[in-house]
PDB file of N, CA and C in Angstrom:
ATOM      1  N   GLY A   1       9.696 296.811 260.669  1.00  0.00           N
ATOM      2  CA  GLY A   1      10.551 295.606 260.787  1.00  0.00           C
ATOM      3  C   GLY A   1      11.602 295.892 260.055  1.00  0.00           C
ATOM      4  N   PHE A   2      11.807 296.889 259.279  1.00  0.00           N
ATOM      5  CA  PHE A   2      13.227 296.717 258.146  1.00  0.00           C
ATOM      6  C   PHE A   2      14.161 298.124 259.248  1.00  0.00           C
ATOM      7  N   GLU A   3      15.562 297.487 258.940  1.00  0.00           N
ATOM      8  CA  GLU A   3      16.890 298.065 259.874  1.00  0.00           C
ATOM      9  C   GLU A   3      17.658 298.709 258.548  1.00  0.00           C
ATOM     10  N   PRO A   4      17.464 299.775 258.480  1.00  0.00           N
ATOM     11  CA  PRO A   4      18.222 300.652 257.300  1.00  0.00           C
ATOM     12  C   PRO A   4      19.704 301.049 257.490  1.00  0.00           C
ATOM     13  N   ALA A   5      20.049 300.822 256.353  1.00  0.00           N
ATOM     14  CA  ALA A   5      21.760 301.232 256.444  1.00  0.00           C
ATOM     15  C   ALA A   5      21.747 302.786 256.059  1.00  0.00           C
ATOM     16  N   ILE A   6      22.533 303.603 256.408  1.00  0.00           N
ATOM     17  CA  ILE A   6      21.968 305.110 255.914  1.00  0.00           C
ATOM     18  C   ILE A   6      23.935 305.314 255.327  1.00  0.00           C
ATOM     19  N   ALA A   7      23.666 305.955 254.402  1.00  0.00           N
ATOM     20  CA  ALA A   7      24.935 306.110 253.332  1.00  0.00           C
ATOM     21  C   ALA A   7      24.829 307.698 252.964  1.00  0.00           C
ATOM     22  N   ALA A   8      25.888 308.490 253.260  1.00  0.00           N
ATOM     23  CA  ALA A   8      25.730 309.977 253.247  1.00  0.00           C
ATOM     24  C   ALA A   8      26.005 310.653 251.668  1.00  0.00           C
ATOM     25  N   SER A   9      26.531 309.775 251.129  1.00  0.00           N
ATOM     26  CA  SER A   9      26.461 310.184 249.441  1.00  0.00           C
ATOM     27  C   SER A   9      26.114 308.928 248.657  1.00  0.00           C
ATOM     28  N   GLY A  10      26.472 309.181 247.350  1.00  0.00           N
ATOM     29  CA  GLY A  10      25.737 307.928 246.393  1.00  0.00           C
ATOM     30  C   GLY A  10      27.241 307.168 246.362  1.00  0.00           C
ATOM     31  N   GLU A  11      28.258 307.752 246.601  1.00  0.00           N
ATOM     32  CA  GLU A  11      29.508 307.047 246.671  1.00  0.00           C
ATOM     33  C   GLU A  11      29.473 305.918 247.749  1.00  0.00           C
ATOM     34  N   GLU A  12      29.275 306.757 248.677  1.00  0.00           N
ATOM     35  CA  GLU A  12      29.052 305.971 250.157  1.00  0.00           C
ATOM     36  C   GLU A  12      28.095 304.597 249.915  1.00  0.00           C
ATOM     37  N   ALA A  13      26.823 304.567 249.221  1.00  0.00           N
ATOM     38  CA  ALA A  13      26.040 303.622 249.406  1.00  0.00           C
ATOM     39  C   ALA A  13      26.601 302.483 248.665  1.00  0.00           C
ATOM     40  N   VAL A  14      26.983 302.772 247.055  1.00  0.00           N
ATOM     41  CA  VAL A  14      27.939 302.067 246.339  1.00  0.00           C
ATOM     42  C   VAL A  14      28.985 301.321 247.213  1.00  0.00           C
ATOM     43  N   THR A  15      29.716 301.820 247.910  1.00  0.00           N
ATOM     44  CA  THR A  15      30.828 300.992 248.725  1.00  0.00           C
ATOM     45  C   THR A  15      30.168 300.072 249.502  1.00  0.00           C
ATOM     46  N   LEU A  16      29.016 300.710 249.962  1.00  0.00           N
ATOM     47  CA  LEU A  16      28.057 299.693 250.878  1.00  0.00           C
ATOM     48  C   LEU A  16      27.567 298.442 250.322  1.00  0.00           C
ATOM     49  N   LEU A  17      26.959 298.734 248.940  1.00  0.00           N
ATOM     50  CA  LEU A  17      26.544 297.760 248.074  1.00  0.00           C
ATOM     51  C   LEU A  17      27.633 296.517 247.671  1.00  0.00           C
ATOM     52  N   LYS A  18      28.369 297.288 247.280  1.00  0.00           N
ATOM     53  CA  LYS A  18      29.815 296.479 246.877  1.00  0.00           C
ATOM     54  C   LYS A  18      30.516 295.788 248.059  1.00  0.00           C
ATOM     55  N   GLY A  19      30.760 296.263 249.219  1.00  0.00           N
ATOM     56  CA  GLY A  19      31.551 295.527 250.480  1.00  0.00           C
ATOM     57  C   GLY A  19      31.120 294.331 250.436  1.00  0.00           C
ATOM     58  N   GLY A  20      29.866 293.875 250.183  1.00  0.00           N
ATOM     59  CA  GLY A  20      29.387 292.478 250.780  1.00  0.00           C
ATOM     60  C   GLY A  20      29.467 292.020 252.224  1.00  0.00           C
ATOM     61  N   LEU A  21      29.670 292.804 252.904  1.00  0.00           N
ATOM     62  CA  LEU A  21      29.644 292.811 254.409  1.00  0.00           C
ATOM     63  C   LEU A  21      28.187 292.551 254.943  1.00  0.00           C
ATOM     64  N   THR A  22      27.294 293.014 254.120  1.00  0.00           N
ATOM     65  CA  THR A  22      25.750 293.031 254.853  1.00  0.00           C
ATOM     66  C   THR A  22      25.344 292.662 253.278  1.00  0.00           C
ATOM     67  N   LYS A  23      24.356 291.501 253.534  1.00  0.00           N
ATOM     68  CA  LYS A  23      23.437 291.657 252.422  1.00  0.00           C
ATOM     69  C   LYS A  23      22.001 292.060 252.219  1.00  0.00           C
ATOM     70  N   TYR A  24      21.935 293.052 251.660  1.00  0.00           N
ATOM     71  CA  TYR A  24      21.312 294.492 251.728  1.00  0.00           C
ATOM     72  C   TYR A  24      19.619 293.533 250.743  1.00  0.00           C
ATOM     73  N   ARG A  25      18.327 293.972 251.081  1.00  0.00           N
ATOM     74  CA  ARG A  25      17.206 293.476 250.470  1.00  0.00           C
ATOM     75  C   ARG A  25      16.333 294.243 249.449  1.00  0.00           C
ATOM     76  N   ALA A  26      16.956 296.032 249.894  1.00  0.00           N
ATOM     77  CA  ALA A  26      16.248 296.677 248.487  1.00  0.00           C
ATOM     78  C   ALA A  26      17.136 297.886 248.826  1.00  0.00           C
ATOM     79  N   LEU A  27      16.936 299.052 248.119  1.00  0.00           N
ATOM     80  CA  LEU A  27      17.793 299.883 247.713  1.00  0.00           C
ATOM     81  C   LEU A  27      16.556 301.088 247.864  1.00  0.00           C
ATOM     82  N   VAL A  28      16.517 302.110 248.812  1.00  0.00           N
ATOM     83  CA  VAL A  28      15.514 303.021 248.768  1.00  0.00           C
ATOM     84  C   VAL A  28      16.629 304.525 248.694  1.00  0.00           C
ATOM     85  N   THR A  29      16.806 305.402 247.451  1.00  0.00           N
ATOM     86  CA  THR A  29      17.418 306.351 247.067  1.00  0.00           C
ATOM     87  C   THR A  29      16.921 307.494 246.972  1.00  0.00           C
ATOM     88  N   ASP A  30      17.174 308.529 247.139  1.00  0.00           N
ATOM     89  CA  ASP A  30      16.792 309.730 246.877  1.00  0.00           C
ATOM     90  C   ASP A  30      17.761 310.346 245.514  1.00  0.00           C
ATOM     91  N   ILE A  31      16.983 310.960 244.573  1.00  0.00           N
ATOM     92  CA  ILE A  31      17.516 310.969 243.574  1.00  0.00           C
ATOM     93  C   ILE A  31      18.930 312.028 243.597  1.00  0.00           C
ATOM     94  N   ASN A  32      18.368 312.936 243.937  1.00  0.00           N
ATOM     95  CA  ASN A  32      19.687 313.813 244.358  1.00  0.00           C
ATOM     96  C   ASN A  32      20.588 313.807 245.601  1.00  0.00           C
ATOM     97  N   LEU A  33      21.547 313.005 245.196  1.00  0.00           N
ATOM     98  CA  LEU A  33      22.359 312.956 246.586  1.00  0.00           C
ATOM     99  C   LEU A  33      23.801 313.665 246.501  1.00  0.00           C
ATOM    100  N   ARG A  34      24.329 313.660 247.766  1.00  0.00           N
ATOM    101  CA  ARG A  34      25.810 314.413 247.989  1.00  0.00           C
ATOM    102  C   ARG A  34      26.905 313.799 247.127  1.00  0.00           C
ATOM    103  N   GLY A  35      27.496 314.829 246.939  1.00  0.00           N
ATOM    104  CA  GLY A  35      28.739 313.804 246.194  1.00  0.00           C
ATOM    105  C   GLY A  35      28.364 313.603 244.597  1.00  0.00           C
ATOM    106  N   THR A  36      29.342 313.166 243.758  1.00  0.00           N
ATOM    107  CA  THR A  36      28.943 313.317 242.205  1.00  0.00           C
ATOM    108  C   THR A  36      28.163 312.305 241.584  1.00  0.00           C
ATOM    109  N   MET A  37      27.876 311.287 242.555  1.00  0.00           N
ATOM    110  CA  MET A  37      27.047 309.743 242.024  1.00  0.00           C
ATOM    111  C   MET A  37      25.621 310.189 242.665  1.00  0.00           C
ATOM    112  N   GLY A  38      24.432 310.535 241.793  1.00  0.00           N
ATOM    113  CA  GLY A  38      23.057 310.547 241.915  1.00  0.00           C
ATOM    114  C   GLY A  38      22.257 309.301 242.483  1.00  0.00           C
ATOM    115  N   GLY A  39      20.975 308.896 242.630  1.00  0.00           N
ATOM    116  CA  GLY A  39      20.399 307.978 243.048  1.00  0.00           C
ATOM    117  C   GLY A  39      20.226 307.325 241.560  1.00  0.00           C
ATOM    118  N   TRP A  40      20.468 307.907 240.336  1.00  0.00           N
ATOM    119  CA  TRP A  40      19.827 307.137 239.335  1.00  0.00           C
ATOM    120  C   TRP A  40      21.215 305.758 239.119  1.00  0.00           C
ATOM    121  N   GLU A  41      22.472 306.567 239.166  1.00  0.00           N
ATOM    122  CA  GLU A  41      23.552 305.701 239.229  1.00  0.00           C
ATOM    123  C   GLU A  41      23.785 305.029 240.219  1.00  0.00           C
ATOM    124  N   VAL A  42      23.407 304.917 241.401  1.00  0.00           N
ATOM    125  CA  VAL A  42      23.402 304.152 242.384  1.00  0.00           C
ATOM    126  C   VAL A  42      22.602 303.040 242.261  1.00  0.00           C
ATOM    127  N   ALA A  43      21.368 303.242 241.831  1.00  0.00           N
ATOM    128  CA  ALA A  43      20.476 301.848 241.483  1.00  0.00           C
ATOM    129  C   ALA A  43      20.905 301.108 240.145  1.00  0.00           C
ATOM    130  N   LYS A  44      21.777 301.812 239.299  1.00  0.00           N
ATOM    131  CA  LYS A  44      22.247 300.978 238.416  1.00  0.00           C
ATOM    132  C   LYS A  44      23.660 300.251 238.774  1.00  0.00           C
ATOM    133  N   VAL A  45      24.084 300.244 239.921  1.00  0.00           N
ATOM    134  CA  VAL A  45      25.358 299.793 240.019  1.00  0.00           C
ATOM    135  C   VAL A  45      24.567 298.759 241.351  1.00  0.00           C
ATOM    136  N   ALA A  46      23.585 298.924 241.993  1.00  0.00           N
ATOM    137  CA  ALA A  46      22.793 297.785 242.622  1.00  0.00           C
ATOM    138  C   ALA A  46      22.605 296.767 241.579  1.00  0.00           C
ATOM    139  N   ARG A  47      21.686 297.113 240.483  1.00  0.00           N
ATOM    140  CA  ARG A  47      21.402 295.965 239.650  1.00  0.00           C
ATOM    141  C   ARG A  47      22.075 295.324 238.534  1.00  0.00           C
ATOM    142  N   GLU A  48      23.684 295.983 238.810  1.00  0.00           N
ATOM    143  CA  GLU A  48      24.804 295.301 238.589  1.00  0.00           C
ATOM    144  C   GLU A  48      24.888 294.032 239.107  1.00  0.00           C
ATOM    145  N   ILE A  49      25.093 294.562 240.636  1.00  0.00           N
ATOM    146  CA  ILE A  49      24.987 293.135 241.695  1.00  0.00           C
ATOM    147  C   ILE A  49      24.241 292.407 241.655  1.00  0.00           C
ATOM    148  N   ASP A  50      22.938 292.521 241.370  1.00  0.00           N
ATOM    149  CA  ASP A  50      21.952 291.584 241.509  1.00  0.00           C
ATOM    150  C   ASP A  50      20.587 292.286 240.431  1.00  0.00           C
ATOM    151  N   PRO A  51      20.745 291.638 239.453  1.00  0.00           N
ATOM    152  CA  PRO A  51      19.560 292.034 238.402  1.00  0.00           C
ATOM    153  C   PRO A  51      18.167 292.399 238.915  1.00  0.00           C
ATOM    154  N   GLU A  52      17.782 291.528 240.049  1.00  0.00           N
ATOM    155  CA  GLU A  52      16.387 291.559 240.557  1.00  0.00           C
ATOM    156  C   GLU A  52      16.342 292.681 241.802  1.00  0.00           C
ATOM    157  N   PHE A  53      17.290 293.485 242.044  1.00  0.00           N
ATOM    158  CA  PHE A  53      17.714 294.089 243.475  1.00  0.00           C
ATOM    159  C   PHE A  53      16.334 295.172 243.444  1.00  0.00           C
ATOM    160  N   PRO A  54      15.521 295.005 244.354  1.00  0.00           N
ATOM    161  CA  PRO A  54      14.344 296.126 244.710  1.00  0.00           C
ATOM    162  C   PRO A  54      15.084 297.532 244.784  1.00  0.00           C
ATOM    163  N   ILE A  55      14.543 298.342 244.253  1.00  0.00           N
ATOM    164  CA  ILE A  55      14.537 299.825 243.900  1.00  0.00           C
ATOM    165  C   ILE A  55      13.443 300.859 244.481  1.00  0.00           C
ATOM    166  N   ILE A  56      13.973 301.213 245.512  1.00  0.00           N
ATOM    167  CA  ILE A  56      12.747 302.460 245.694  1.00  0.00           C
ATOM    168  C   ILE A  56      13.495 303.953 245.238  1.00  0.00           C
ATOM    169  N   TYR A  57      12.947 304.910 244.774  1.00  0.00           N
ATOM    170  CA  TYR A  57      13.486 306.267 244.205  1.00  0.00           C
ATOM    171  C   TYR A  57      12.479 306.862 245.030  1.00  0.00           C
ATOM    172  N   MET A  58      13.264 308.092 245.236  1.00  0.00           N
ATOM    173  CA  MET A  58      12.140 309.325 245.965  1.00  0.00           C
ATOM    174  C   MET A  58      12.598 310.516 245.559  1.00  0.00           C
ATOM    175  N   THR A  59      11.994 311.010 245.282  1.00  0.00           N
ATOM    176  CA  THR A  59      12.346 313.042 244.507  1.00  0.00           C
ATOM    177  C   THR A  59      11.298 313.933 244.810  1.00  0.00           C
ATOM    178  N   GLY A  60      11.500 314.891 244.811  1.00  0.00           N
ATOM    179  CA  GLY A  60      10.620 316.444 245.207  1.00  0.00           C
ATOM    180  C   GLY A  60      10.890 317.019 243.720  1.00  0.00           C
ATOM    181  N   ALA A  61      11.778 316.368 242.865  1.00  0.00           N
ATOM    182  CA  ALA A  61      12.049 317.228 241.534  1.00  0.00           C
ATOM    183  C   ALA A  61      12.596 316.730 240.344  1.00  0.00           C
ATOM    184  N   SER A  62      12.599 315.658 240.529  1.00  0.00           N
ATOM    185  CA  SER A  62      12.972 314.784 239.309  1.00  0.00           C
ATOM    186  C   SER A  62      12.327 313.713 238.870  1.00  0.00           C
ATOM    187  N   ALA A  63      10.955 313.381 238.980  1.00  0.00           N
ATOM    188  CA  ALA A  63      10.204 312.673 238.691  1.00  0.00           C
ATOM    189  C   ALA A  63      10.046 312.660 237.486  1.00  0.00           C
ATOM    190  N   ASP A  64       9.971 313.663 236.449  1.00  0.00           N
ATOM    191  CA  ASP A  64      10.139 313.706 235.140  1.00  0.00           C
ATOM    192  C   ASP A  64      10.837 312.798 234.676  1.00  0.00           C
ATOM    193  N   GLN A  65      11.933 312.699 235.158  1.00  0.00           N
ATOM    194  CA  GLN A  65      13.548 312.018 234.625  1.00  0.00           C
ATOM    195  C   GLN A  65      12.905 310.267 235.039  1.00  0.00           C
ATOM    196  N   TYR A  66      12.092 310.093 235.517  1.00  0.00           N
ATOM    197  CA  TYR A  66      12.058 308.446 235.811  1.00  0.00           C
ATOM    198  C   TYR A  66      12.029 307.487 234.587  1.00  0.00           C
ATOM    199  N   ALA A  67      11.234 307.695 234.033  1.00  0.00           N
ATOM    200  CA  ALA A  67      10.914 307.095 232.417  1.00  0.00           C
ATOM    201  C   ALA A  67      12.237 307.194 231.691  1.00  0.00           C
ATOM    202  N   SER A  68      13.293 308.085 231.799  1.00  0.00           N
ATOM    203  CA  SER A  68      14.571 307.795 230.995  1.00  0.00           C
ATOM    204  C   SER A  68      15.659 307.029 231.745  1.00  0.00           C
ATOM    205  N   HIS A  69      15.585 307.469 233.270  1.00  0.00           N
ATOM    206  CA  HIS A  69      17.035 306.767 234.038  1.00  0.00           C
ATOM    207  C   HIS A  69      16.402 305.942 235.095  1.00  0.00           C
ATOM    208  N   GLY A  70      15.220 305.707 235.574  1.00  0.00           N
ATOM    209  CA  GLY A  70      14.678 304.483 236.340  1.00  0.00           C
ATOM    210  C   GLY A  70      14.991 303.420 235.869  1.00  0.00           C
ATOM    211  N   VAL A  71      15.285 302.333 236.572  1.00  0.00           N
ATOM    212  CA  VAL A  71      15.537 300.904 236.330  1.00  0.00           C
ATOM    213  C   VAL A  71      14.316 300.280 236.307  1.00  0.00           C
ATOM    214  N   PRO A  72      14.011 299.200 235.245  1.00  0.00           N
ATOM    215  CA  PRO A  72      12.895 298.457 235.315  1.00  0.00           C
ATOM    216  C   PRO A  72      12.482 297.741 236.651  1.00  0.00           C
ATOM    217  N   ASN A  73      11.331 297.841 236.551  1.00  0.00           N
ATOM    218  CA  ASN A  73      10.553 297.309 238.400  1.00  0.00           C
ATOM    219  C   ASN A  73      11.083 297.854 239.667  1.00  0.00           C
ATOM    220  N   SER A  74      11.291 298.956 239.225  1.00  0.00           N
ATOM    221  CA  SER A  74      11.123 299.933 240.460  1.00  0.00           C
ATOM    222  C   SER A  74      10.253 301.060 240.568  1.00  0.00           C
ATOM    223  N   ILE A  75      10.023 301.510 241.723  1.00  0.00           N
ATOM    224  CA  ILE A  75       8.908 302.360 242.171  1.00  0.00           C
ATOM    225  C   ILE A  75       9.631 303.739 242.258  1.00  0.00           C
ATOM    226  N   LEU A  76       8.800 304.537 241.876  1.00  0.00           N
ATOM    227  CA  LEU A  76       9.119 306.224 242.402  1.00  0.00           C
ATOM    228  C   LEU A  76       8.121 306.555 243.330  1.00  0.00           C
ATOM    229  N   LEU A  77       8.445 307.343 244.366  1.00  0.00           N
ATOM    230  CA  LEU A  77       7.852 308.077 245.557  1.00  0.00           C
ATOM    231  C   LEU A  77       8.186 309.726 245.290  1.00  0.00           C
ATOM    232  N   THR A  78       7.199 309.959 245.121  1.00  0.00           N
ATOM    233  CA  THR A  78       7.516 311.631 244.789  1.00  0.00           C
ATOM    234  C   THR A  78       6.911 312.357 246.261  1.00  0.00           C
ATOM    235  N   LYS A  79       7.778 313.036 246.422  1.00  0.00           N
ATOM    236  CA  LYS A  79       7.910 313.708 248.078  1.00  0.00           C
ATOM    237  C   LYS A  79       6.494 315.037 248.182  1.00  0.00           C
ATOM    238  N   PRO A  80       6.155 315.307 248.862  1.00  0.00           N
ATOM    239  CA  PRO A  80       5.859 314.516 249.923  1.00  0.00           C
ATOM    240  C   PRO A  80       5.240 312.982 250.279  1.00  0.00           C
ATOM    241  N   PHE A  81       5.368 312.108 250.996  1.00  0.00           N
ATOM    242  CA  PHE A  81       5.083 311.016 251.162  1.00  0.00           C
ATOM    243  C   PHE A  81       4.758 310.904 252.368  1.00  0.00           C
ATOM    244  N   ALA A  82       3.342 309.873 252.705  1.00  0.00           N
ATOM    245  CA  ALA A  82       3.888 309.359 253.852  1.00  0.00           C
ATOM    246  C   ALA A  82       4.610 308.159 254.373  1.00  0.00           C
ATOM    247  N   PRO A  83       4.807 307.780 255.554  1.00  0.00           N
ATOM    248  CA  PRO A  83       5.899 306.843 255.815  1.00  0.00           C
ATOM    249  C   PRO A  83       5.652 305.404 255.487  1.00  0.00           C
ATOM    250  N   ALA A  84       4.081 305.217 255.411  1.00  0.00           N
ATOM    251  CA  ALA A  84       3.224 303.807 255.147  1.00  0.00           C
ATOM    252  C   ALA A  84       3.381 303.836 253.640  1.00  0.00           C
ATOM    253  N   GLN A  85       3.907 304.836 252.686  1.00  0.00           N
ATOM    254  CA  GLN A  85       3.653 304.714 251.410  1.00  0.00           C
ATOM    255  C   GLN A  85       5.286 303.847 251.078  1.00  0.00           C
ATOM    256  N   LEU A  86       5.947 304.387 251.969  1.00  0.00           N
ATOM    257  CA  LEU A  86       7.450 303.938 251.749  1.00  0.00           C
ATOM    258  C   LEU A  86       7.649 302.538 252.325  1.00  0.00           C
ATOM    259  N   VAL A  87       6.994 301.979 253.307  1.00  0.00           N
ATOM    260  CA  VAL A  87       6.876 300.760 253.864  1.00  0.00           C
ATOM    261  C   VAL A  87       6.217 299.782 252.605  1.00  0.00           C
ATOM    262  N   THR A  88       4.764 300.062 252.429  1.00  0.00           N
ATOM    263  CA  THR A  88       4.625 299.538 251.411  1.00  0.00           C
ATOM    264  C   THR A  88       5.149 299.574 249.847  1.00  0.00           C
ATOM    265  N   ALA A  89       5.815 300.236 249.575  1.00  0.00           N
ATOM    266  CA  ALA A  89       6.601 300.215 248.521  1.00  0.00           C
ATOM    267  C   ALA A  89       7.628 298.769 248.689  1.00  0.00           C
ATOM    268  N   VAL A  90       8.242 299.244 249.783  1.00  0.00           N
ATOM    269  CA  VAL A  90       9.162 297.866 249.767  1.00  0.00           C
ATOM    270  C   VAL A  90       8.918 296.535 249.988  1.00  0.00           C
ATOM    271  N   SER A  91       8.049 296.816 250.734  1.00  0.00           N
ATOM    272  CA  SER A  91       7.041 295.059 251.090  1.00  0.00           C
ATOM    273  C   SER A  91       6.633 295.020 249.496  1.00  0.00           C
ATOM    274  N   GLN A  92       5.872 295.743 248.920  1.00  0.00           N
ATOM    275  CA  GLN A  92       5.767 295.300 247.394  1.00  0.00           C
ATOM    276  C   GLN A  92       6.994 294.727 246.378  1.00  0.00           C
ATOM    277  N   LEU A  93       7.882 295.063 246.633  1.00  0.00           N
ATOM    278  CA  LEU A  93       8.974 295.120 245.691  1.00  0.00           C
ATOM    279  C   LEU A  93       9.342 293.566 246.427  1.00  0.00           C
ATOM    280  N   LEU A  94       9.712 293.993 247.687  1.00  0.00           N
ATOM    281  CA  LEU A  94      10.400 292.130 248.275  1.00  0.00           C
ATOM    282  C   LEU A  94       9.221 290.988 247.963  1.00  0.00           C
ATOM    283  N   ASN A  95       8.322 291.309 248.348  1.00  0.00           N
ATOM    284  CA  ASN A  95       7.458 290.157 247.926  1.00  0.00           C
ATOM    285  C   ASN A  95       6.671 289.902 246.732  1.00  0.00           C
ATOM    286  N   SER A  96       7.266 290.603 245.480  1.00  0.00           N
ATOM    287  CA  SER A  96       7.264 290.450 244.246  1.00  0.00           C
ATOM    288  C   SER A  96       7.940 289.449 243.562  1.00  0.00           C
ATOM    289  N   GLY A  97       9.401 289.338 244.134  1.00  0.00           N
ATOM    290  CA  GLY A  97      10.742 289.013 243.687  1.00  0.00           C
ATOM    291  C   GLY A  97      10.674 287.512 244.126  1.00  0.00           C
ATOM    292  N   THR A  98      11.289 286.874 243.114  1.00  0.00           N
ATOM    293  CA  THR A  98      11.603 285.153 243.338  1.00  0.00           C
ATOM    294  C   THR A  98      12.408 285.380 244.938  1.00  0.00           C
ATOM    295  N   PRO A  99      11.913 284.407 245.353  1.00  0.00           N
ATOM    296  CA  PRO A  99      12.657 283.993 246.932  1.00  0.00           C
ATOM    297  C   PRO A  99      14.128 283.386 246.565  1.00  0.00           C
ATOM    298  N   THR A 100      14.822 284.255 247.834  1.00  0.00           N
ATOM    299  CA  THR A 100      16.164 284.273 247.729  1.00  0.00           C
ATOM    300  C   THR A 100      16.583 282.919 249.200  1.00  0.00           C
ATOM    301  N   THR A 101      17.613 282.242 248.979  1.00  0.00           N
ATOM    302  CA  THR A 101      17.976 281.401 249.835  1.00  0.00           C
ATOM    303  C   THR A 101      18.922 282.033 250.583  1.00  0.00           C
TER     304      THR A 101
END
């Protein structure tokens, strides 16, 4: 039931988030992205826009950096993971926050 917006790089993801054309409900980001901006930085920008913004990180190699780079109240999925795990993580974060109008 989710409709994703796909960004080719961290910079493009930030442009989409800041653009305001769409009200995004969560960010799912890989840690290693094309361009100069990684998933850690994209998540921090998302939290500057909305301090409660749900963040799901996914990685195959950077899980050890989560404690020092991840934002609070986020979820880290380590690759490989089942698609159902991603859906569960997004649903969990969306349902644990305060209702938005």
